[in-house]
Amino acid sequence: MSINEHHGMKPLEGLRPFCVRSEYGIEQRDDRFGRMFGDIPPNYTRPDILIEAGKVGGKMEDKTDKGRTMSVPVGMVFFGQFVDHDITLDASSTFDTVVDDPGEIANVRTPTLDLDCIYGLGPEAQPYLYEQGGPFGGVKLLTGADNPGQAGLRDDDLLRSPNGRAIIGDPRNDENRVISQIQLAIIRFHNHVAQTIHDEEGLEEHDLYEASRMQTTWHYQWAVVNDFLTDMCGGPVVERILGCGRHFYCSHVPFIPVEFSVAAYRFGHSMIPMKVQVKKGGKRHALFGPVLGKGFEALTDPKAVVDWHELLFTPENRQVERTQKLDTKLAKDLLNLPFIDPAAPAAEKSLATRNLLRGNAFLLPAGEKVAAAIGVEQSDIDKVIAKANMVNKEFGEEGIPLWLYILAEAEVIGRSQPNGTAKKGEGLGPVGATIVAEVIIGLLELDVHSYLGANRNWSPREEWNTLGKLVTVAQP
């Protein structure tokens, strides 16, 4: 179905609200990856072209400050990383092995926005994550504040073992200070919800845990749809999918397509600033530096305690730092990752090159072919191809790698606006927005425990109805 259909030519809506395709010919599993556009032939680009494009000093390096978005708070791109850790983990594929059938690749996370990275396997299977005894036994999650012997600034840190490792549902959420502080903020929000429900309804123990987990998860899911997707994909795209159904992410069960995990959802790499201010009136610290770059150890520097009023829009209405513009440029540090062995080949140290090579390995289709399949006008496709050719003119002959196409599309077309226009560099264009929004909304609609799968008339509490409120309501 075209995304640009004319009035009077639109097919009858409501017949395929969940777009279940039978032509796949195989049963999709929720613990495996899959394909969204399996009927489009794979693209191939010579590795030397990809390495040249992603090298330090190459056309994808942001040699000057390309500028910030006007509307996307910097905390949103880190929240996107948290969401990624909630739904996907490929622990087995490599750059040098072709993945013909992504159904052979296990997804170590559940492909639903269920906050298993927060709750782990629950209080019965992992009781050490939870408070023990009393009305909140098996309900409230533990933090460093509950561990008197913990080293460092325990009141502002995750619960940690004696070796400094965080005791959490997903270890990746401790790989840097910003993501670990998101993990802590969501844990605190759950505990705040539990206290609120206990005070209002008198629930305790198991019943309180179930009610608190549902409310916490549903408010988080609401923020993903109404804050994150709206910021990154545009309100009109989100409204179209919720109102008219999905047309390209089609399955009986929730699963992660490789077009999403290997290409589209990596758009945030272009938006990451290399320095971030996390304190009011404080200095901007390097993302990979000694203050924010540390992970997997106790928090010891008070400068790394994140004040979320500085990174997200909240009722305090502060001057919030914005993300970098979404385009074909990445910060230099991302093209020479400081945590990779200095002796490693340059291609392995460049995040851009890694993304491009992975697209080859996963047999992803060319970006322009996906654009044509979803109904993008040829004139817009030509604009994107021209921008991608500025990175390397040989892409025009080889086909544009899907990840690069999505970045170029954001730069020359941009995020759709309610007034029918588009904002260049503010968010994803038609291909990127369609993939990201359809997949995330689809994961919710196919999950009988989510608010979109269980109760589409549910609304959040006003005091918790935005991401900014959610992560600050229990912030000391």
Protein backbone atom coordinates (compact mmCIF):
# COMPACT_ATOMS: atom_id res chain seq x y z
CA MET A 1 0.00 0.00 0.00
CA SER A 2 1.36 3.41 -0.90
CA ILE A 3 1.86 5.98 1.81
CA ASN A 4 0.76 8.62 -0.71
CA GLU A 5 -2.72 7.47 -1.70
CA HIS A 6 -5.21 9.87 -3.20
CA HIS A 7 -8.66 10.56 -1.81
CA GLY A 8 -11.15 8.10 -3.24
CA MET A 9 -8.46 5.56 -4.12
CA LYS A 10 -7.84 4.25 -0.58
CA PRO A 11 -8.74 0.60 0.07
CA LEU A 12 -11.34 -0.19 2.70
CA GLU A 13 -9.79 0.05 6.14
CA GLY A 14 -10.26 -2.38 9.00
CA LEU A 15 -9.97 -5.63 7.06
CA ARG A 16 -6.34 -6.29 8.05
CA PRO A 17 -5.73 -4.28 11.23
CA PHE A 18 -2.76 -6.41 12.19
CA CYS A 19 -1.58 -7.12 8.65
CA VAL A 20 -1.07 -10.89 9.04
CA ARG A 21 0.65 -12.30 5.99
CA SER A 22 0.46 -15.98 5.13
CA GLU A 23 2.82 -15.75 2.19
CA TYR A 24 5.93 -15.95 4.37
CA GLY A 25 5.67 -19.72 4.17
CA ILE A 26 7.39 -20.20 7.54
CA GLU A 27 6.29 -19.80 11.10
CA GLN A 28 7.86 -16.76 12.68
CA ARG A 29 9.10 -17.28 16.23
CA ASP A 30 9.16 -14.56 18.85
CA ASP A 31 12.61 -15.64 20.08
CA ARG A 32 14.18 -15.26 16.64
CA PHE A 33 14.87 -12.40 14.28
CA GLY A 34 13.03 -12.18 10.95
CA ARG A 35 12.53 -10.03 7.84
CA MET A 36 10.11 -7.21 7.16
CA PHE A 37 10.72 -6.98 3.40
CA GLY A 38 11.62 -10.58 2.62
CA ASP A 39 10.37 -10.29 -0.95
CA ILE A 40 12.94 -7.61 -1.89
CA PRO A 41 16.30 -8.95 -3.13
CA PRO A 42 19.32 -8.23 -0.93
CA ASN A 43 21.68 -5.40 -1.73
CA TYR A 44 25.45 -5.85 -1.92
CA THR A 45 28.06 -3.10 -1.69
CA ARG A 46 31.76 -3.80 -2.01
CA PRO A 47 33.44 -3.68 1.42
CA ASP A 48 36.08 -1.22 0.24
CA ILE A 49 33.31 1.30 -0.56
CA LEU A 50 31.79 0.82 2.89
CA ILE A 51 35.15 1.14 4.65
CA GLU A 52 35.97 4.29 2.71
CA ALA A 53 32.60 5.82 3.57
CA GLY A 54 32.90 5.18 7.30
CA LYS A 55 36.54 6.01 7.91
CA VAL A 56 37.89 8.76 10.13
CA GLY A 57 38.34 11.86 7.97
CA GLY A 58 35.83 10.51 5.45
CA LYS A 59 32.59 11.98 4.16
CA MET A 60 30.58 10.72 7.14
CA GLU A 61 32.70 12.46 9.77
CA ASP A 62 31.19 15.55 11.33
CA LYS A 63 34.26 17.77 11.07
CA THR A 64 32.37 20.82 12.32
CA ASP A 65 29.42 21.02 14.70
CA LYS A 66 26.55 20.25 12.34
CA GLY A 67 24.09 21.79 14.77
CA ARG A 68 21.34 20.58 17.04
CA THR A 69 17.73 19.72 16.45
CA MET A 70 15.13 22.23 17.52
CA SER A 71 12.70 19.76 19.09
CA VAL A 72 14.37 16.54 20.32
CA PRO A 73 15.85 16.58 23.84
CA VAL A 74 19.19 14.83 24.15
CA GLY A 75 17.86 12.42 26.74
CA MET A 76 15.54 10.92 24.12
CA VAL A 77 18.38 9.31 22.18
CA PHE A 78 19.63 7.60 25.35
CA PHE A 79 16.09 6.49 26.12
CA GLY A 80 16.06 4.96 22.65
CA GLN A 81 19.09 2.90 23.66
CA PHE A 82 17.22 1.74 26.76
CA VAL A 83 14.25 0.68 24.60
CA ASP A 84 16.62 -1.21 22.31
CA HIS A 85 18.01 -3.13 25.29
CA ASP A 86 14.44 -3.96 26.33
CA ILE A 87 13.53 -5.68 23.07
CA THR A 88 16.59 -7.03 21.30
CA LEU A 89 19.98 -8.67 21.83
CA ASP A 90 21.88 -10.52 19.10
CA ALA A 91 24.73 -12.31 20.84
CA SER A 92 25.81 -14.63 18.01
CA SER A 93 26.10 -13.00 14.55
CA THR A 94 29.39 -11.63 13.14
CA PHE A 95 30.46 -9.38 10.28
CA ASP A 96 32.13 -12.18 8.34
CA THR A 97 29.21 -14.61 8.22
CA VAL A 98 26.23 -14.23 5.88
CA VAL A 99 22.87 -14.41 7.65
CA ASP A 100 20.56 -15.85 5.02
CA ASP A 101 17.85 -16.83 7.48
CA PRO A 102 17.60 -14.42 10.43
CA GLY A 103 15.24 -16.96 11.98
CA GLU A 104 18.36 -18.89 12.92
CA ILE A 105 19.60 -15.99 15.07
CA ALA A 106 18.32 -16.05 18.65
CA ASN A 107 16.99 -12.85 20.21
CA VAL A 108 18.15 -13.11 23.81
CA ARG A 109 15.61 -10.50 24.99
CA THR A 110 11.85 -10.82 24.79
CA PRO A 111 10.63 -8.85 21.73
CA THR A 112 8.03 -6.97 23.76
CA LEU A 113 8.29 -3.73 25.69
CA ASP A 114 7.81 -5.54 28.99
CA LEU A 115 10.72 -4.03 30.96
CA ASP A 116 12.31 -7.43 31.55
CA CYS A 117 15.55 -5.44 31.73
CA ILE A 118 14.08 -3.97 34.94
CA TYR A 119 12.14 -6.89 36.39
CA GLY A 120 14.38 -9.74 35.30
CA LEU A 121 12.52 -13.04 35.66
CA GLY A 122 10.38 -11.70 38.49
CA PRO A 123 10.50 -11.92 42.30
CA GLU A 124 10.12 -15.69 42.47
CA ALA A 125 12.93 -16.54 40.04
CA GLN A 126 15.23 -13.63 40.99
CA PRO A 127 14.30 -12.62 44.55
CA TYR A 128 17.65 -10.86 45.05
CA LEU A 129 16.39 -8.01 42.85
CA TYR A 130 13.54 -7.28 45.26
CA GLU A 131 12.82 -6.15 48.79
CA GLN A 132 12.08 -9.01 51.17
CA GLY A 133 9.40 -9.11 53.86
CA GLY A 134 6.57 -6.75 54.74
CA PRO A 135 3.89 -5.38 52.42
CA PHE A 136 6.51 -4.55 49.78
CA GLY A 137 8.20 -7.95 49.91
CA GLY A 138 8.66 -9.18 46.35
CA VAL A 139 7.35 -5.82 45.13
CA LYS A 140 9.85 -2.97 45.37
CA LEU A 141 13.09 -3.27 43.45
CA LEU A 142 16.36 -2.76 45.28
CA THR A 143 18.86 0.00 44.51
CA GLY A 144 22.23 0.94 45.95
CA ALA A 145 20.42 2.89 48.66
CA ASP A 146 19.23 -0.46 50.07
CA ASN A 147 22.78 -1.84 50.37
CA PRO A 148 24.60 -0.20 53.32
CA GLY A 149 27.92 -1.84 52.52
CA GLN A 150 28.00 -0.79 48.89
CA ALA A 151 30.97 1.28 47.74
CA GLY A 152 30.67 4.70 46.17
CA LEU A 153 27.64 6.98 45.98
CA ARG A 154 25.17 4.20 46.70
CA ASP A 155 22.16 6.50 47.20
CA ASP A 156 22.42 7.51 43.52
CA ASP A 157 23.48 4.17 42.11
CA LEU A 158 22.13 0.79 41.08
CA LEU A 159 22.34 -2.18 43.42
CA ARG A 160 25.82 -3.70 43.03
CA SER A 161 27.68 -6.84 44.02
CA PRO A 162 31.07 -6.65 45.84
CA ASN A 163 32.91 -6.67 42.50
CA GLY A 164 31.03 -3.54 41.41
CA ARG A 165 28.76 -5.20 38.85
CA ALA A 166 25.17 -3.97 38.77
CA ILE A 167 22.55 -6.50 39.86
CA ILE A 168 19.98 -5.78 37.15
CA GLY A 169 17.96 -7.59 34.48
CA ASP A 170 20.23 -6.60 31.56
CA PRO A 171 23.95 -5.91 32.15
CA ARG A 172 24.11 -3.63 29.09
CA ASN A 173 22.19 -1.03 31.07
CA ASP A 174 25.32 -0.36 33.08
CA GLU A 175 27.72 0.18 30.17
CA ASN A 176 27.85 3.96 30.73
CA ARG A 177 26.60 6.36 33.35
CA VAL A 178 23.71 7.82 31.37
CA ILE A 179 22.12 4.46 30.57
CA SER A 180 22.67 3.23 34.14
CA GLN A 181 20.93 6.35 35.43
CA ILE A 182 17.96 5.62 33.13
CA GLN A 183 17.81 2.12 34.61
CA LEU A 184 17.85 3.63 38.09
CA ALA A 185 15.15 6.18 37.19
CA ILE A 186 12.78 3.46 35.93
CA ILE A 187 13.41 1.34 39.04
CA ARG A 188 12.61 4.34 41.22
CA PHE A 189 9.47 4.99 39.18
CA HIS A 190 8.29 1.40 39.74
CA ASN A 191 8.86 1.78 43.48
CA HIS A 192 6.97 5.09 43.46
CA VAL A 193 4.07 3.45 41.63
CA ALA A 194 4.05 0.59 44.16
CA GLN A 195 3.97 3.03 47.08
CA THR A 196 1.17 5.02 45.42
CA ILE A 197 -1.01 1.96 44.75
CA HIS A 198 -0.40 0.62 48.26
CA ASP A 199 -1.42 3.95 49.79
CA GLU A 200 -4.51 4.31 47.60
CA GLU A 201 -5.76 0.72 47.36
CA GLY A 202 -4.11 -1.12 50.25
CA LEU A 203 -2.66 -3.86 48.05
CA GLU A 204 0.33 -5.84 49.30
CA GLU A 205 2.82 -8.48 48.15
CA HIS A 206 1.87 -10.44 45.01
CA ASP A 207 -1.23 -8.42 44.15
CA LEU A 208 0.68 -5.19 44.66
CA TYR A 209 3.56 -6.41 42.50
CA GLU A 210 1.28 -7.34 39.60
CA ALA A 211 -0.61 -4.05 39.75
CA SER A 212 2.59 -2.01 40.07
CA ARG A 213 4.36 -3.81 37.25
CA MET A 214 1.39 -3.35 34.91
CA GLN A 215 1.05 0.36 35.67
CA THR A 216 4.80 0.98 35.41
CA THR A 217 5.06 -0.92 32.13
CA TRP A 218 2.01 0.68 30.57
CA HIS A 219 3.17 4.20 31.45
CA TYR A 220 6.59 3.37 29.98
CA GLN A 221 4.93 2.04 26.82
CA TRP A 222 2.81 5.17 26.58
CA ALA A 223 5.97 7.28 26.72
CA VAL A 224 7.58 5.15 24.00
CA VAL A 225 4.65 5.76 21.64
CA ASN A 226 3.66 9.31 22.51
CA ASP A 227 7.05 10.84 23.31
CA PHE A 228 9.81 8.78 21.70
CA LEU A 229 8.07 7.75 18.46
CA THR A 230 6.47 11.16 18.03
CA ASP A 231 9.85 12.85 18.41
CA MET A 232 11.75 10.48 16.15
CA CYS A 233 9.15 9.45 13.55
CA GLY A 234 6.67 12.32 13.59
CA GLY A 235 3.16 12.55 14.99
CA PRO A 236 1.42 12.03 11.62
CA VAL A 237 3.22 8.71 11.08
CA VAL A 238 2.31 7.46 14.55
CA GLU A 239 -1.31 8.56 14.14
CA ARG A 240 -1.56 6.94 10.70
CA ILE A 241 -0.34 3.58 11.98
CA LEU A 242 -2.54 3.67 15.08
CA GLY A 243 -5.55 4.78 13.06
CA CYS A 244 -5.14 2.87 9.80
CA GLY A 245 -3.11 -0.16 10.84
CA ARG A 246 0.30 -1.53 9.97
CA HIS A 247 1.02 -2.49 6.37
CA PHE A 248 4.60 -3.75 6.31
CA TYR A 249 5.40 -5.21 9.74
CA CYS A 250 3.25 -8.31 9.47
CA SER A 251 3.24 -11.36 11.72
CA HIS A 252 1.18 -13.55 14.03
CA VAL A 253 3.70 -13.00 16.83
CA PRO A 254 5.96 -10.11 17.90
CA PHE A 255 9.46 -10.42 16.45
CA ILE A 256 12.39 -8.15 15.57
CA PRO A 257 13.01 -7.65 11.83
CA VAL A 258 16.64 -7.24 10.77
CA GLU A 259 15.68 -4.18 8.72
CA PHE A 260 14.82 -2.63 12.09
CA SER A 261 17.65 -3.92 14.28
CA VAL A 262 20.51 -3.77 11.76
CA ALA A 263 19.56 -0.56 9.94
CA ALA A 264 16.58 1.63 10.86
CA TYR A 265 16.93 1.64 14.64
CA ARG A 266 20.58 2.61 14.40
CA PHE A 267 19.57 6.11 13.32
CA GLY A 268 20.42 7.42 16.79
CA HIS A 269 24.15 7.06 16.10
CA SER A 270 23.90 10.24 14.03
CA MET A 271 22.12 12.14 16.84
CA ILE A 272 24.51 11.41 19.71
CA PRO A 273 26.48 14.43 20.90
CA MET A 274 29.97 13.63 22.13
CA LYS A 275 29.57 15.92 25.15
CA VAL A 276 26.54 16.13 27.42
CA GLN A 277 25.61 18.42 30.30
CA VAL A 278 23.87 16.37 33.00
CA LYS A 279 23.86 18.95 35.82
CA LYS A 280 22.23 22.38 36.01
CA GLY A 281 24.99 24.89 35.44
CA GLY A 282 27.52 22.06 35.12
CA LYS A 283 30.13 21.36 32.50
CA ARG A 284 29.52 19.26 29.41
CA HIS A 285 31.30 15.92 29.81
CA ALA A 286 32.60 13.66 27.05
CA LEU A 287 30.31 10.69 26.49
CA PHE A 288 33.28 8.31 26.42
CA GLY A 289 35.25 10.27 29.01
CA PRO A 290 36.10 9.49 32.65
CA VAL A 291 32.88 10.96 34.08
CA LEU A 292 30.13 9.55 31.83
CA GLY A 293 32.03 6.83 29.99
CA LYS A 294 32.63 4.57 32.97
CA GLY A 295 30.47 1.50 33.42
CA PHE A 296 30.32 -1.84 35.21
CA GLU A 297 31.62 -0.37 38.45
CA ALA A 298 30.36 1.61 41.44
CA LEU A 299 29.41 5.25 40.93
CA THR A 300 31.98 7.44 42.67
CA ASP A 301 31.83 10.80 40.91
CA PRO A 302 28.89 13.07 41.83
CA LYS A 303 29.27 14.80 38.45
CA ALA A 304 27.94 11.59 36.83
CA VAL A 305 24.62 11.68 38.70
CA VAL A 306 22.14 12.66 35.99
CA ASP A 307 19.55 15.35 36.62
CA TRP A 308 16.87 14.34 34.13
CA HIS A 309 15.37 17.82 34.14
CA GLU A 310 18.48 18.76 32.13
CA LEU A 311 18.08 16.05 29.48
CA LEU A 312 14.30 15.81 28.95
CA PHE A 313 11.34 18.16 28.82
CA THR A 314 9.77 18.18 32.29
CA PRO A 315 7.35 20.43 34.21
CA GLU A 316 10.37 22.47 35.40
CA ASN A 317 10.71 23.86 31.83
CA ARG A 318 14.48 24.17 31.86
CA GLN A 319 16.68 24.93 28.86
CA VAL A 320 17.17 21.34 27.76
CA GLU A 321 20.05 20.36 25.52
CA ARG A 322 19.00 18.98 22.12
CA THR A 323 20.33 16.06 20.08
CA GLN A 324 22.59 16.45 17.07
CA LYS A 325 20.74 16.72 13.76
CA LEU A 326 19.84 13.43 12.09
CA ASP A 327 21.87 13.20 8.89
CA THR A 328 24.74 11.31 7.23
CA LYS A 329 27.32 12.70 9.67
CA LEU A 330 28.63 11.04 12.85
CA ALA A 331 30.90 12.44 15.52
CA LYS A 332 34.58 11.61 15.07
CA ASP A 333 34.71 9.51 18.25
CA LEU A 334 32.09 7.18 16.75
CA LEU A 335 34.34 6.58 13.74
CA ASN A 336 37.24 5.71 16.01
CA LEU A 337 35.62 4.09 19.05
CA PRO A 338 37.94 4.60 22.03
CA PHE A 339 36.95 1.36 23.77
CA ILE A 340 38.03 -0.83 20.82
CA ASP A 341 41.56 -2.28 20.87
CA PRO A 342 43.81 0.38 19.27
CA ALA A 343 45.54 -2.39 17.31
CA ALA A 344 42.25 -3.47 15.69
CA PRO A 345 41.69 -2.66 11.99
CA ALA A 346 40.22 0.80 11.38
CA ALA A 347 37.01 -0.73 10.00
CA GLU A 348 36.31 -2.44 13.34
CA LYS A 349 36.71 0.83 15.24
CA SER A 350 34.26 2.80 13.07
CA LEU A 351 30.63 2.51 14.13
CA ALA A 352 29.55 3.68 10.68
CA THR A 353 31.59 1.01 8.91
CA ARG A 354 30.37 -1.66 11.33
CA ASN A 355 26.76 -0.72 10.58
CA LEU A 356 27.34 -0.77 6.83
CA LEU A 357 29.18 -4.10 6.86
CA ARG A 358 26.47 -5.65 9.01
CA GLY A 359 23.89 -4.65 6.39
CA ASN A 360 25.83 -6.70 3.83
CA ALA A 361 26.07 -9.67 6.20
CA PHE A 362 22.32 -9.66 6.91
CA LEU A 363 21.38 -9.41 3.21
CA LEU A 364 19.43 -6.21 3.72
CA PRO A 365 17.67 -4.71 0.70
CA ALA A 366 18.78 -1.40 -0.82
CA GLY A 367 17.18 1.64 0.74
CA GLU A 368 15.70 2.90 -2.52
CA LYS A 369 14.03 -0.49 -3.12
CA VAL A 370 12.36 -0.35 0.29
CA ALA A 371 11.30 3.24 -0.38
CA ALA A 372 9.66 2.22 -3.65
CA ALA A 373 7.94 -0.71 -1.92
CA ILE A 374 6.28 1.53 0.67
CA GLY A 375 5.19 4.07 -1.92
CA VAL A 376 7.65 6.96 -1.61
CA GLU A 377 7.57 9.29 -4.61
CA GLN A 378 10.43 8.74 -7.08
CA SER A 379 11.39 12.40 -6.91
CA ASP A 380 12.03 12.03 -3.17
CA ILE A 381 13.95 8.80 -3.70
CA ASP A 382 16.17 10.59 -6.22
CA LYS A 383 16.94 13.32 -3.66
CA VAL A 384 18.05 10.70 -1.15
CA ILE A 385 20.19 8.86 -3.69
CA ALA A 386 21.89 12.14 -4.61
CA LYS A 387 22.69 12.81 -0.94
CA ALA A 388 24.04 9.27 -0.44
CA ASN A 389 26.22 9.69 -3.52
CA MET A 390 27.85 12.66 -1.81
CA VAL A 391 29.17 10.14 0.75
CA ASN A 392 30.50 7.96 -2.05
CA LYS A 393 29.50 8.33 -5.70
CA GLU A 394 29.77 4.59 -6.21
CA PHE A 395 26.68 3.97 -4.07
CA GLY A 396 24.54 5.12 -6.98
CA GLU A 397 25.73 2.16 -9.03
CA GLU A 398 25.77 -0.40 -6.21
CA GLY A 399 22.52 0.48 -4.42
CA ILE A 400 22.25 2.53 -1.24
CA PRO A 401 22.78 0.53 2.00
CA LEU A 402 19.56 0.72 3.99
CA TRP A 403 21.14 2.35 7.08
CA LEU A 404 22.82 5.07 5.00
CA TYR A 405 19.65 5.63 2.98
CA ILE A 406 17.69 6.23 6.20
CA LEU A 407 20.23 8.80 7.41
CA ALA A 408 20.30 10.58 4.03
CA GLU A 409 16.51 10.55 3.89
CA ALA A 410 16.32 12.23 7.30
CA GLU A 411 18.69 14.92 6.05
CA VAL A 412 16.97 15.81 2.77
CA ILE A 413 13.32 14.99 3.60
CA GLY A 414 13.03 14.77 7.36
CA ARG A 415 10.33 14.16 9.92
CA SER A 416 6.69 14.68 8.98
CA GLN A 417 4.85 17.50 10.71
CA PRO A 418 1.15 17.89 11.61
CA ASN A 419 0.77 20.72 9.07
CA GLY A 420 1.75 18.46 6.17
CA THR A 421 5.34 19.70 5.86
CA ALA A 422 8.55 17.96 6.92
CA LYS A 423 11.45 19.13 9.09
CA LYS A 424 14.87 18.21 7.70
CA GLY A 425 17.27 16.74 10.24
CA GLU A 426 14.71 16.70 13.07
CA GLY A 427 13.79 13.04 12.75
CA LEU A 428 13.26 10.11 10.42
CA GLY A 429 11.93 10.34 6.88
CA PRO A 430 9.31 8.03 5.35
CA VAL A 431 11.34 4.79 5.18
CA GLY A 432 12.99 5.09 8.57
CA ALA A 433 9.83 6.30 10.30
CA THR A 434 7.70 3.55 8.75
CA ILE A 435 10.05 0.77 9.84
CA VAL A 436 10.67 2.09 13.35
CA ALA A 437 7.09 3.09 14.15
CA GLU A 438 5.42 0.03 12.62
CA VAL A 439 7.73 -2.36 14.44
CA ILE A 440 7.45 -0.74 17.86
CA ILE A 441 3.68 -0.24 17.61
CA GLY A 442 3.40 -3.76 16.23
CA LEU A 443 5.32 -5.20 19.18
CA LEU A 444 2.78 -3.56 21.46
CA GLU A 445 -0.29 -4.56 19.46
CA LEU A 446 0.85 -8.19 19.30
CA ASP A 447 1.50 -8.36 23.04
CA VAL A 448 -1.68 -9.26 24.97
CA HIS A 449 -0.13 -7.79 28.13
CA SER A 450 0.59 -4.31 26.71
CA TYR A 451 -1.83 -1.40 26.86
CA LEU A 452 -2.35 -1.53 23.06
CA GLY A 453 -2.87 -5.30 23.17
CA ALA A 454 -5.01 -5.49 26.30
CA ASN A 455 -6.88 -2.19 26.73
CA ARG A 456 -6.75 0.36 23.92
CA ASN A 457 -8.97 2.71 25.95
CA TRP A 458 -6.43 2.99 28.78
CA SER A 459 -4.98 6.42 29.59
CA PRO A 460 -2.04 7.28 31.86
CA ARG A 461 -2.25 9.20 35.09
CA GLU A 462 -1.62 12.88 34.47
CA GLU A 463 1.34 13.03 36.86
CA TRP A 464 3.07 10.19 34.95
CA ASN A 465 1.90 10.86 31.36
CA THR A 466 5.22 11.94 29.79
CA LEU A 467 8.70 10.50 29.79
CA GLY A 468 10.00 13.61 31.54
CA LYS A 469 7.51 13.17 34.38
CA LEU A 470 8.11 9.44 34.59
CA VAL A 471 11.87 9.65 35.16
CA THR A 472 11.76 12.63 37.52
CA VAL A 473 8.74 11.92 39.74
CA ALA A 474 10.89 9.86 42.13
CA GLN A 475 14.19 11.69 41.53
CA PRO A 476 15.59 12.95 44.86
